[in-house]
Amino acid sequence: MRLPSKRLIVSGAAAWLIAFALGGMDSRHASIASSDHSGPKTWLGALPFEGVAFAQSQGPNTQMSEVAFKNIQVLKGIPVDEFMGTMGLFSAALSVCCGDCHTGAGTSNPKWEDDPPRKRVARRMVSMVNAINKDNFGGRQVVTCWTCHRGSQSPAVTPGIDAIYSTPTFVPPDILPVAPPATSGTPPADQILDKYIQALGGAANLAKLTSYTAKGTSQLFGEAQADQAEIDAKAPNQLVTLVHQREGDLARSYDGRDAWVMLPLTVVGEYPLTKGAKEGAKLDAQMAFPGGLKQFFKTWRVTYPATLDGHDVYVVQGIGDEGMVATFYFDKKTGLLTRMIHYANSAVGRVPVQTDYSDYRPVAGVMMPYKYTYGWVSGREEYSLTEIQPNAAVAASKFARPIQRAK
């Protein structure tokens, strides 16, 4: 068991894998994570990670924080996936790992339930932020840890002269403004989405693709060695991604109704997704068969065009159930999707998941990305596919609750 590299945390603006807090993880699992918290979600209050109990889930949708972990004082009554997302955002806001706040983290005898000084300070900070939002914003989640810290344990209070007279770094908000077509020159969402479908090969070809299997590699942020990866998908919205990491398997699955995440070297091991996080998994599965994307969201809005990696893009946002927001970046020339970001709510802000797509190639008349990067608060994975088998037979059991392979 190795503690993460402090240099890697800072240089990567990393939010460390929350699973490390649960059971120990190495420096392969850093990720970039940032968010804006100006949405309507009511502030719930939160604590840092407060200890682990070796408890089992009481059902596919009832694994609550106080059942899975010890010494939970505030984050009671929320599911484990939201609890873990909350911990990931703590890590992102302060660029810290578990050992910075928890007794014995990274050793063979961690005492997660202990209350060292930094945990007590964090409790006071959360109470302060809770009061700010309640007294000034009607309880809306406007101020969060990220608002002030932004990757630093001690927030800066004075602007630097170099910062004042240099090119500012623009970070767009989660909820983007609607762009008036007359002044922005942007077409309506329907036209952008229709062009995307045509760029993929057309609705008829998309309808003919009912399943596929794919193989390739997955490379974690900061790691030189790649791991073998497998993907299985079945229309309309079933998807499983399995990565054979050296410590164990990583898996994300959605069976058309329920979603799970499995991580190696964790106490929880695997856990179901709920609410907005499950809607995000459902969206990921829908994107395996994007012909139904337009119908996925009830509300679509177009914001101002942008430039992404040197390419001009249209930016379209969908608003879904359970508080999920998703933003899509479509290349103006090709019409193809280059980036998707979706968010789920947590006690301390929205938890982002970002997928970047590239290297589109034709498969059974459909353009499919052979390279994509999946970034979330528990890691950033770069996938390079070597083969995709269209309309392959895929057993329903592939999408079931994942099981860790024997060590």
Protein backbone atom coordinates (compact mmCIF):
# COMPACT_ATOMS: atom_id res chain seq x y z
CA MET A 1 0.00 0.00 0.00
CA ARG A 2 1.51 3.30 -1.06
CA LEU A 3 0.51 6.81 -0.14
CA PRO A 4 -0.16 9.08 -3.12
CA SER A 5 2.55 11.42 -4.29
CA LYS A 6 2.03 14.98 -3.03
CA ARG A 7 3.72 16.33 -6.13
CA LEU A 8 1.28 14.45 -8.32
CA ILE A 9 -1.67 15.84 -6.39
CA VAL A 10 -0.59 19.44 -6.93
CA SER A 11 0.66 19.15 -10.50
CA GLY A 12 -2.43 17.24 -11.60
CA ALA A 13 -4.92 19.39 -9.67
CA ALA A 14 -5.95 15.98 -8.40
CA ALA A 15 -8.96 14.84 -6.45
CA TRP A 16 -7.81 11.57 -4.99
CA LEU A 17 -9.73 8.39 -5.38
CA ILE A 18 -12.18 8.27 -2.54
CA ALA A 19 -11.81 4.53 -2.53
CA PHE A 20 -8.32 5.14 -1.15
CA ALA A 21 -10.04 6.59 1.89
CA LEU A 22 -12.01 3.39 2.18
CA GLY A 23 -9.25 0.86 1.81
CA GLY A 24 -5.95 2.15 0.42
CA MET A 25 -4.98 3.12 -3.11
CA ASP A 26 -1.83 4.13 -4.90
CA SER A 27 -0.76 7.08 -7.03
CA ARG A 28 -2.32 5.57 -10.16
CA HIS A 29 -5.66 6.95 -9.11
CA ALA A 30 -5.49 10.73 -9.29
CA SER A 31 -8.06 12.67 -11.28
CA ILE A 32 -8.94 16.21 -12.22
CA ALA A 33 -12.25 17.36 -10.80
CA SER A 34 -13.80 20.80 -10.59
CA SER A 35 -17.33 22.11 -10.35
CA ASP A 36 -19.52 25.15 -9.96
CA HIS A 37 -22.16 24.93 -7.26
CA SER A 38 -24.69 27.57 -8.20
CA GLY A 39 -27.60 25.17 -8.71
CA PRO A 40 -30.83 24.95 -6.74
CA LYS A 41 -29.85 21.94 -4.59
CA THR A 42 -30.45 22.61 -0.90
CA TRP A 43 -27.31 22.45 1.22
CA LEU A 44 -27.24 19.23 3.26
CA GLY A 45 -24.11 19.74 5.35
CA ALA A 46 -21.25 17.23 5.45
CA LEU A 47 -18.21 15.96 7.26
CA PRO A 48 -14.93 14.54 6.05
CA PHE A 49 -14.65 10.78 5.87
CA GLU A 50 -15.42 9.51 9.36
CA GLY A 51 -14.58 5.85 9.53
CA VAL A 52 -15.42 2.54 7.94
CA ALA A 53 -17.41 -0.42 9.15
CA PHE A 54 -17.28 -3.72 7.30
CA ALA A 55 -21.01 -3.65 6.66
CA GLN A 56 -22.85 -5.19 3.74
CA SER A 57 -25.48 -3.54 1.60
CA GLN A 58 -29.07 -4.15 2.71
CA GLY A 59 -30.28 -4.16 -0.88
CA PRO A 60 -29.55 -2.77 -4.32
CA ASN A 61 -30.77 0.71 -3.36
CA THR A 62 -30.46 0.81 0.44
CA GLN A 63 -26.74 0.91 1.17
CA MET A 64 -26.78 4.04 3.31
CA SER A 65 -23.77 5.85 4.72
CA GLU A 66 -24.48 5.11 8.37
CA VAL A 67 -24.70 1.40 7.58
CA ALA A 68 -21.46 1.23 5.60
CA PHE A 69 -19.31 3.57 7.71
CA LYS A 70 -18.55 4.31 11.37
CA ASN A 71 -18.97 7.55 13.29
CA ILE A 72 -21.25 9.24 10.77
CA GLN A 73 -22.65 12.29 12.52
CA VAL A 74 -24.13 14.43 9.76
CA LEU A 75 -24.21 12.51 6.48
CA LYS A 76 -26.87 10.09 7.62
CA GLY A 77 -29.66 8.93 5.36
CA ILE A 78 -27.76 9.35 2.08
CA PRO A 79 -26.63 6.46 -0.12
CA VAL A 80 -23.02 5.37 -0.31
CA ASP A 81 -22.48 6.65 -3.86
CA GLU A 82 -23.42 10.19 -2.82
CA PHE A 83 -21.24 9.89 0.28
CA MET A 84 -18.27 8.82 -1.85
CA GLY A 85 -18.88 11.60 -4.33
CA THR A 86 -18.91 14.06 -1.45
CA MET A 87 -15.53 12.78 -0.26
CA GLY A 88 -14.17 13.13 -3.78
CA LEU A 89 -15.21 16.77 -3.88
CA PHE A 90 -13.51 17.39 -0.51
CA SER A 91 -10.32 15.99 -1.99
CA ALA A 92 -10.72 18.08 -5.14
CA ALA A 93 -11.33 21.32 -3.27
CA LEU A 94 -8.24 21.01 -1.07
CA SER A 95 -5.95 18.82 -3.23
CA VAL A 96 -5.46 16.42 -0.37
CA CYS A 97 -5.43 12.67 0.06
CA CYS A 98 -6.80 10.57 2.91
CA GLY A 99 -3.58 10.62 4.92
CA ASP A 100 -3.75 14.39 5.23
CA CYS A 101 -6.80 14.21 7.48
CA HIS A 102 -7.28 10.66 8.76
CA THR A 103 -5.40 8.70 11.40
CA GLY A 104 -3.35 5.84 9.98
CA ALA A 105 -4.38 6.30 6.36
CA GLY A 106 -2.01 4.34 4.16
CA THR A 107 -1.03 1.95 6.96
CA SER A 108 -2.21 -1.54 7.84
CA ASN A 109 -4.24 -0.17 10.76
CA PRO A 110 -6.18 2.95 9.74
CA LYS A 111 -8.48 4.45 12.35
CA TRP A 112 -11.01 6.22 10.17
CA GLU A 113 -13.38 6.83 13.08
CA ASP A 114 -10.82 8.97 14.95
CA ASP A 115 -11.30 12.73 15.10
CA PRO A 116 -7.86 14.35 14.56
CA PRO A 117 -7.57 18.17 14.49
CA ARG A 118 -8.12 18.59 10.75
CA LYS A 119 -11.40 16.70 10.87
CA ARG A 120 -12.61 18.93 13.69
CA VAL A 121 -11.62 22.02 11.71
CA ALA A 122 -13.45 20.65 8.68
CA ARG A 123 -16.60 20.26 10.75
CA ARG A 124 -16.44 23.96 11.70
CA MET A 125 -15.85 24.91 8.05
CA VAL A 126 -18.89 22.93 6.93
CA SER A 127 -21.01 24.57 9.62
CA MET A 128 -19.80 27.96 8.43
CA VAL A 129 -20.62 27.25 4.79
CA ASN A 130 -23.98 25.81 5.80
CA ALA A 131 -24.81 29.02 7.66
CA ILE A 132 -23.66 31.22 4.74
CA ASN A 133 -25.95 29.43 2.32
CA LYS A 134 -28.88 29.39 4.74
CA ASP A 135 -28.60 33.05 5.75
CA ASN A 136 -27.77 34.56 2.36
CA PHE A 137 -29.05 32.24 -0.38
CA GLY A 138 -32.18 30.67 1.03
CA GLY A 139 -30.38 27.36 1.56
CA ARG A 140 -29.32 27.07 -2.08
CA GLN A 141 -25.90 25.49 -2.63
CA VAL A 142 -24.15 28.65 -3.82
CA VAL A 143 -21.02 28.60 -1.61
CA THR A 144 -19.10 25.35 -1.22
CA CYS A 145 -15.61 24.14 -0.34
CA TRP A 146 -14.50 24.74 -3.95
CA THR A 147 -15.73 28.34 -3.91
CA CYS A 148 -12.81 29.42 -1.72
CA HIS A 149 -10.24 26.64 -1.72
CA ARG A 150 -9.97 25.78 -5.45
CA GLY A 151 -7.22 23.24 -4.93
CA SER A 152 -5.49 24.93 -1.97
CA GLN A 153 -5.68 23.95 1.69
CA SER A 154 -5.39 27.63 2.64
CA PRO A 155 -7.50 29.88 0.39
CA ALA A 156 -5.71 32.92 -1.06
CA VAL A 157 -6.98 36.23 0.28
CA THR A 158 -4.95 38.68 -1.84
CA PRO A 159 -4.78 38.84 -5.66
CA GLY A 160 -1.31 38.52 -7.14
CA ILE A 161 -0.17 41.22 -9.56
CA ASP A 162 0.79 38.59 -12.16
CA ALA A 163 -2.69 37.14 -11.92
CA ILE A 164 -4.27 40.54 -12.45
CA TYR A 165 -2.29 41.25 -15.63
CA SER A 166 -2.29 37.81 -17.20
CA THR A 167 -4.83 36.01 -19.33
CA PRO A 168 -7.55 34.79 -16.97
CA THR A 169 -8.51 31.14 -16.84
CA PHE A 170 -12.17 30.83 -17.68
CA VAL A 171 -14.13 28.06 -15.98
CA PRO A 172 -17.72 27.89 -17.25
CA PRO A 173 -20.53 27.41 -14.76
CA ASP A 174 -22.44 24.16 -14.59
CA ILE A 175 -25.72 25.74 -15.71
CA LEU A 176 -24.92 27.62 -18.90
CA PRO A 177 -26.81 30.68 -20.17
CA VAL A 178 -29.12 30.35 -23.14
CA ALA A 179 -27.69 32.00 -26.26
CA PRO A 180 -30.12 34.07 -28.36
CA PRO A 181 -29.91 32.62 -31.90
CA ALA A 182 -30.11 36.04 -33.53
CA THR A 183 -26.97 37.35 -31.84
CA SER A 184 -24.97 34.18 -31.23
CA GLY A 185 -25.38 32.57 -34.65
CA THR A 186 -26.14 29.20 -33.08
CA PRO A 187 -28.73 26.87 -34.61
CA PRO A 188 -31.42 25.36 -32.37
CA ALA A 189 -30.69 22.21 -30.42
CA ASP A 190 -32.76 20.03 -32.76
CA GLN A 191 -30.58 20.97 -35.73
CA ILE A 192 -27.33 20.32 -33.85
CA LEU A 193 -28.55 16.94 -32.60
CA ASP A 194 -29.86 15.97 -36.06
CA LYS A 195 -26.49 16.84 -37.61
CA TYR A 196 -24.83 14.65 -34.99
CA ILE A 197 -27.02 11.69 -35.95
CA GLN A 198 -26.21 12.21 -39.63
CA ALA A 199 -22.49 12.52 -38.88
CA LEU A 200 -22.63 9.16 -37.10
CA GLY A 201 -24.08 7.49 -40.17
CA GLY A 202 -27.76 8.30 -40.08
CA ALA A 203 -30.71 7.04 -38.06
CA ALA A 204 -31.18 3.92 -40.22
CA ASN A 205 -27.63 2.68 -39.68
CA LEU A 206 -27.79 3.50 -35.98
CA ALA A 207 -30.98 1.45 -35.65
CA LYS A 208 -29.26 -1.57 -37.19
CA LEU A 209 -26.56 -1.56 -34.50
CA THR A 210 -28.22 -3.45 -31.64
CA SER A 211 -25.19 -4.61 -29.67
CA TYR A 212 -21.41 -4.71 -29.71
CA THR A 213 -18.38 -5.89 -27.82
CA ALA A 214 -15.09 -4.03 -27.72
CA LYS A 215 -11.57 -4.70 -26.47
CA GLY A 216 -8.64 -2.41 -25.84
CA THR A 217 -6.66 -0.83 -23.05
CA SER A 218 -7.26 1.64 -20.26
CA GLN A 219 -4.50 3.85 -18.89
CA LEU A 220 -4.92 5.63 -15.58
CA PHE A 221 -3.83 9.21 -14.98
CA GLY A 222 -0.16 9.34 -14.00
CA GLU A 223 0.46 5.68 -14.78
CA ALA A 224 2.79 4.40 -17.52
CA GLN A 225 1.35 0.90 -17.84
CA ALA A 226 -2.03 0.26 -19.47
CA ASP A 227 -4.57 -2.36 -18.37
CA GLN A 228 -6.75 -4.60 -20.50
CA ALA A 229 -10.30 -3.32 -20.95
CA GLU A 230 -13.53 -4.88 -22.19
CA ILE A 231 -16.81 -3.18 -23.14
CA ASP A 232 -20.17 -4.82 -23.77
CA ALA A 233 -23.24 -2.93 -24.91
CA LYS A 234 -26.79 -3.88 -25.86
CA ALA A 235 -29.54 -1.60 -27.15
CA PRO A 236 -31.29 0.41 -26.07
CA ASN A 237 -29.28 1.27 -22.93
CA GLN A 238 -27.25 -1.53 -21.39
CA LEU A 239 -23.52 -1.03 -20.91
CA VAL A 240 -20.68 -2.50 -18.89
CA THR A 241 -17.05 -1.41 -18.81
CA LEU A 242 -14.55 -3.79 -17.21
CA VAL A 243 -10.88 -2.97 -16.64
CA HIS A 244 -8.47 -5.63 -15.38
CA GLN A 245 -6.26 -3.53 -13.13
CA ARG A 246 -3.37 -5.16 -11.31
CA GLU A 247 -4.99 -4.66 -7.89
CA GLY A 248 -8.32 -6.04 -9.09
CA ASP A 249 -11.10 -5.22 -11.52
CA LEU A 250 -12.72 -1.85 -12.05
CA ALA A 251 -16.26 -2.07 -13.39
CA ARG A 252 -19.14 0.27 -14.23
CA SER A 253 -22.40 -1.34 -15.32
CA TYR A 254 -25.96 -0.37 -16.16
CA ASP A 255 -28.48 -3.12 -16.87
CA GLY A 256 -31.28 -0.91 -18.15
CA ARG A 257 -32.62 -0.25 -14.67
CA ASP A 258 -29.88 -0.35 -12.03
CA ALA A 259 -26.25 0.78 -12.03
CA TRP A 260 -23.17 -0.26 -10.06
CA VAL A 261 -19.55 0.72 -9.60
CA MET A 262 -16.86 -1.72 -8.51
CA LEU A 263 -13.37 -0.60 -7.47
CA PRO A 264 -10.37 -2.66 -6.32
CA LEU A 265 -8.79 -2.31 -2.88
CA THR A 266 -11.79 -0.77 -1.17
CA VAL A 267 -13.80 -1.69 1.89
CA VAL A 268 -17.10 -1.16 0.11
CA GLY A 269 -15.86 -3.06 -2.95
CA GLU A 270 -18.89 -2.35 -5.08
CA TYR A 271 -21.92 -0.16 -4.55
CA PRO A 272 -25.10 0.79 -6.41
CA LEU A 273 -25.63 4.21 -7.94
CA THR A 274 -28.69 6.22 -7.02
CA LYS A 275 -30.52 9.38 -8.07
CA GLY A 276 -28.50 11.65 -10.36
CA ALA A 277 -25.48 9.33 -10.42
CA LYS A 278 -27.68 6.52 -11.71
CA GLU A 279 -29.13 8.86 -14.33
CA GLY A 280 -25.55 9.60 -15.37
CA ALA A 281 -24.85 5.87 -15.78
CA LYS A 282 -28.05 5.59 -17.81
CA LEU A 283 -26.86 8.44 -20.04
CA ASP A 284 -23.47 6.76 -20.53
CA ALA A 285 -25.33 3.62 -21.60
CA GLN A 286 -27.55 5.62 -23.93
CA MET A 287 -24.46 7.11 -25.56
CA ALA A 288 -23.45 3.59 -26.59
CA PHE A 289 -26.51 3.84 -28.89
CA PRO A 290 -26.83 7.61 -29.41
CA GLY A 291 -29.76 7.42 -31.80
CA GLY A 292 -32.04 7.99 -28.81
CA LEU A 293 -30.12 10.91 -27.32
CA LYS A 294 -32.62 13.58 -28.36
CA GLN A 295 -35.41 11.85 -26.44
CA PHE A 296 -33.27 11.30 -23.34
CA PHE A 297 -33.74 14.81 -21.97
CA LYS A 298 -37.03 16.67 -21.63
CA THR A 299 -35.30 20.04 -21.85
CA TRP A 300 -32.55 21.08 -24.29
CA ARG A 301 -30.87 24.48 -24.40
CA VAL A 302 -28.13 25.94 -26.59
CA THR A 303 -25.50 28.20 -25.10
CA TYR A 304 -22.79 30.24 -26.78
CA PRO A 305 -20.30 28.52 -29.13
CA ALA A 306 -16.85 27.77 -27.77
CA THR A 307 -13.43 26.50 -28.77
CA LEU A 308 -12.30 23.12 -27.48
CA ASP A 309 -8.80 21.78 -28.20
CA GLY A 310 -8.49 24.20 -31.12
CA HIS A 311 -11.84 23.24 -32.68
CA ASP A 312 -14.95 25.39 -32.84
CA VAL A 313 -17.84 23.65 -31.12
CA TYR A 314 -21.54 24.11 -30.48
CA VAL A 315 -22.43 23.69 -26.82
CA VAL A 316 -25.79 22.12 -25.96
CA GLN A 317 -27.11 21.35 -22.50
CA GLY A 318 -29.72 18.85 -21.40
CA ILE A 319 -31.61 19.01 -18.12
CA GLY A 320 -32.82 15.66 -16.79
CA ASP A 321 -34.42 13.97 -13.83
CA GLU A 322 -32.95 13.69 -10.33
CA GLY A 323 -31.11 17.00 -10.76
CA MET A 324 -28.78 15.73 -13.49
CA VAL A 325 -27.31 18.26 -15.90
CA ALA A 326 -25.36 17.25 -19.01
CA THR A 327 -23.37 19.43 -21.40
CA PHE A 328 -22.43 18.32 -24.93
CA TYR A 329 -19.76 19.78 -27.22
CA PHE A 330 -20.29 19.11 -30.94
CA ASP A 331 -17.62 19.90 -33.55
CA LYS A 332 -19.01 22.57 -35.88
CA LYS A 333 -17.42 21.05 -39.00
CA THR A 334 -17.92 17.34 -38.48
CA GLY A 335 -21.00 17.42 -36.28
CA LEU A 336 -19.46 14.73 -34.07
CA LEU A 337 -19.51 14.81 -30.28
CA THR A 338 -16.14 15.69 -28.75
CA ARG A 339 -17.01 16.07 -25.06
CA MET A 340 -19.83 15.24 -22.66
CA ILE A 341 -20.01 16.31 -19.01
CA HIS A 342 -22.79 15.19 -16.70
CA TYR A 343 -23.29 16.02 -13.06
CA ALA A 344 -24.92 14.42 -10.03
CA ASN A 345 -25.79 16.24 -6.84
CA SER A 346 -24.00 15.63 -3.54
CA ALA A 347 -23.89 17.19 -0.09
CA VAL A 348 -21.13 19.60 -1.14
CA GLY A 349 -21.86 20.34 -4.78
CA ARG A 350 -22.26 18.66 -8.12
CA VAL A 351 -20.08 15.64 -8.87
CA PRO A 352 -18.78 15.84 -12.47
CA VAL A 353 -18.14 13.03 -14.93
CA GLN A 354 -16.44 14.02 -18.20
CA THR A 355 -15.96 11.94 -21.34
CA ASP A 356 -13.85 13.15 -24.28
CA TYR A 357 -14.26 11.36 -27.63
CA SER A 358 -11.85 11.09 -30.56
CA ASP A 359 -10.59 8.83 -33.36
CA TYR A 360 -13.99 8.06 -34.87
CA ARG A 361 -14.01 5.13 -37.28
CA PRO A 362 -16.81 3.36 -39.20
CA VAL A 363 -18.23 0.18 -37.65
CA ALA A 364 -21.15 -1.42 -39.53
CA GLY A 365 -21.96 1.95 -41.09
CA VAL A 366 -21.76 3.84 -37.77
CA MET A 367 -18.96 6.18 -36.74
CA MET A 368 -17.68 5.09 -33.33
CA PRO A 369 -14.92 6.59 -31.16
CA TYR A 370 -11.92 4.29 -30.80
CA LYS A 371 -10.43 6.60 -28.20
CA TYR A 372 -12.08 8.29 -25.26
CA THR A 373 -11.15 9.59 -21.84
CA TYR A 374 -13.41 9.01 -18.84
CA GLY A 375 -12.74 11.38 -15.96
CA TRP A 376 -14.53 11.29 -12.59
CA VAL A 377 -13.70 11.96 -8.94
CA SER A 378 -12.36 8.41 -8.60
CA GLY A 379 -9.91 8.47 -11.49
CA ARG A 380 -9.26 9.44 -15.08
CA GLU A 381 -9.00 6.62 -17.60
CA GLU A 382 -7.80 6.89 -21.21
CA TYR A 383 -9.30 4.16 -23.38
CA SER A 384 -7.82 2.99 -26.69
CA LEU A 385 -9.93 0.37 -28.44
CA THR A 386 -8.33 -2.15 -30.76
CA GLU A 387 -11.46 -3.91 -31.98
CA ILE A 388 -15.23 -3.50 -31.99
CA GLN A 389 -17.50 -6.40 -32.95
CA PRO A 390 -20.92 -5.09 -34.05
CA ASN A 391 -24.17 -6.98 -33.36
CA ALA A 392 -22.39 -9.60 -31.27
CA ALA A 393 -24.30 -11.86 -28.91
CA VAL A 394 -24.12 -10.40 -25.40
CA ALA A 395 -25.53 -12.31 -22.44
CA ALA A 396 -27.80 -10.42 -20.04
CA SER A 397 -25.57 -11.54 -17.17
CA LYS A 398 -22.82 -9.25 -18.47
CA PHE A 399 -24.71 -6.22 -17.16
CA ALA A 400 -25.53 -7.62 -13.73
CA ARG A 401 -24.07 -6.47 -10.44
CA PRO A 402 -20.27 -6.87 -10.85
CA ILE A 403 -18.29 -9.39 -8.86
CA GLN A 404 -14.61 -8.91 -8.03
CA ARG A 405 -12.37 -11.59 -9.47
CA ALA A 406 -10.56 -13.89 -7.11
CA LYS A 407 -7.17 -12.63 -5.99
